[in-house]
Amino acid sequence: MKRNYIFHLRIKEILEKRNLTQKELAEMSGLRTASISEMANNSRTVINKAHLAKIMDALDITDLSEILELKVEIKF
């Protein structure tokens, strides 16, 4: 049995619900627009905890599960 862990950041969905752009989030969080874009598109292989905290602060999110989803695939 092998487990595959898939982390999915929900930034794009949150921004759509709140009518915000990636550029606006970049300004609110102090992060580069390119960083926000990579995280929103889930193209980063490493999640920087400090960056995630800045985004959570900017969006007033205190529950990690609101912004980060973990899927576990089990293969036999």
Protein backbone atom coordinates (compact mmCIF):
# COMPACT_ATOMS: atom_id res chain seq x y z
CA MET A 1 0.00 0.00 0.00
CA LYS A 2 1.24 3.45 -0.90
CA ARG A 3 -0.22 6.79 0.15
CA ASN A 4 -0.08 9.86 -2.04
CA TYR A 5 -0.68 13.17 -0.22
CA ILE A 6 -2.15 15.97 -2.31
CA PHE A 7 -2.23 19.46 -0.79
CA HIS A 8 -4.66 21.89 -2.41
CA LEU A 9 -4.68 25.58 -1.56
CA ARG A 10 -8.14 27.11 -1.92
CA ILE A 11 -6.89 30.63 -2.63
CA LYS A 12 -8.52 30.90 -6.05
CA GLU A 13 -11.91 29.83 -4.69
CA ILE A 14 -11.70 32.21 -1.73
CA LEU A 15 -10.75 35.14 -3.95
CA GLU A 16 -13.68 34.41 -6.27
CA LYS A 17 -16.12 34.27 -3.35
CA ARG A 18 -14.79 37.55 -1.95
CA ASN A 19 -14.59 39.29 -5.31
CA LEU A 20 -10.85 39.91 -4.92
CA THR A 21 -8.05 39.65 -7.45
CA GLN A 22 -4.68 38.02 -6.97
CA LYS A 23 -3.10 41.45 -7.28
CA GLU A 24 -5.28 42.80 -4.48
CA LEU A 25 -4.33 39.86 -2.27
CA ALA A 26 -0.66 40.47 -3.07
CA GLU A 27 -1.04 44.08 -1.94
CA MET A 28 -2.96 43.06 1.20
CA SER A 29 -0.44 40.37 2.18
CA GLY A 30 2.79 42.04 1.07
CA LEU A 31 3.67 39.06 -1.14
CA ARG A 32 4.66 39.17 -4.81
CA THR A 33 1.82 38.77 -7.29
CA ALA A 34 3.77 35.88 -8.87
CA SER A 35 3.86 34.07 -5.51
CA ILE A 36 0.10 34.50 -5.06
CA SER A 37 -0.49 33.27 -8.62
CA GLU A 38 1.61 30.15 -8.12
CA MET A 39 -0.15 29.31 -4.87
CA ALA A 40 -3.61 30.08 -6.29
CA ASN A 41 -2.91 27.75 -9.23
CA ASN A 42 -1.40 25.09 -6.94
CA SER A 43 1.75 24.98 -9.04
CA ARG A 44 4.15 25.29 -6.12
CA THR A 45 5.64 22.10 -4.75
CA VAL A 46 6.59 23.72 -1.42
CA ILE A 47 4.21 25.69 0.78
CA ASN A 48 5.98 28.42 2.73
CA LYS A 49 4.36 28.64 6.19
CA ALA A 50 5.19 32.34 6.55
CA HIS A 51 3.57 33.12 3.19
CA LEU A 52 0.51 31.07 4.08
CA ALA A 53 0.22 32.94 7.40
CA LYS A 54 0.41 36.31 5.61
CA ILE A 55 -2.36 35.25 3.25
CA MET A 56 -4.49 33.97 6.12
CA ASP A 57 -3.98 37.26 7.99
CA ALA A 58 -4.85 39.31 4.91
CA LEU A 59 -8.03 37.29 4.37
CA ASP A 60 -8.86 37.12 8.11
CA ILE A 61 -8.80 33.32 8.12
CA THR A 62 -7.96 31.54 11.36
CA ASP A 63 -8.88 27.96 10.47
CA LEU A 64 -6.25 26.30 8.28
CA SER A 65 -8.83 23.92 6.80
CA GLU A 66 -10.58 26.92 5.19
CA ILE A 67 -7.58 27.54 2.93
CA LEU A 68 -5.70 24.22 2.78
CA GLU A 69 -7.18 20.87 1.82
CA LEU A 70 -5.38 17.54 2.13
CA LYS A 71 -6.42 14.60 -0.02
CA VAL A 72 -4.93 11.18 0.57
CA GLU A 73 -4.91 8.67 -2.28
CA ILE A 74 -4.23 5.09 -1.34
CA LYS A 75 -2.76 2.80 -3.98
CA PHE A 76 -2.32 -0.91 -3.59
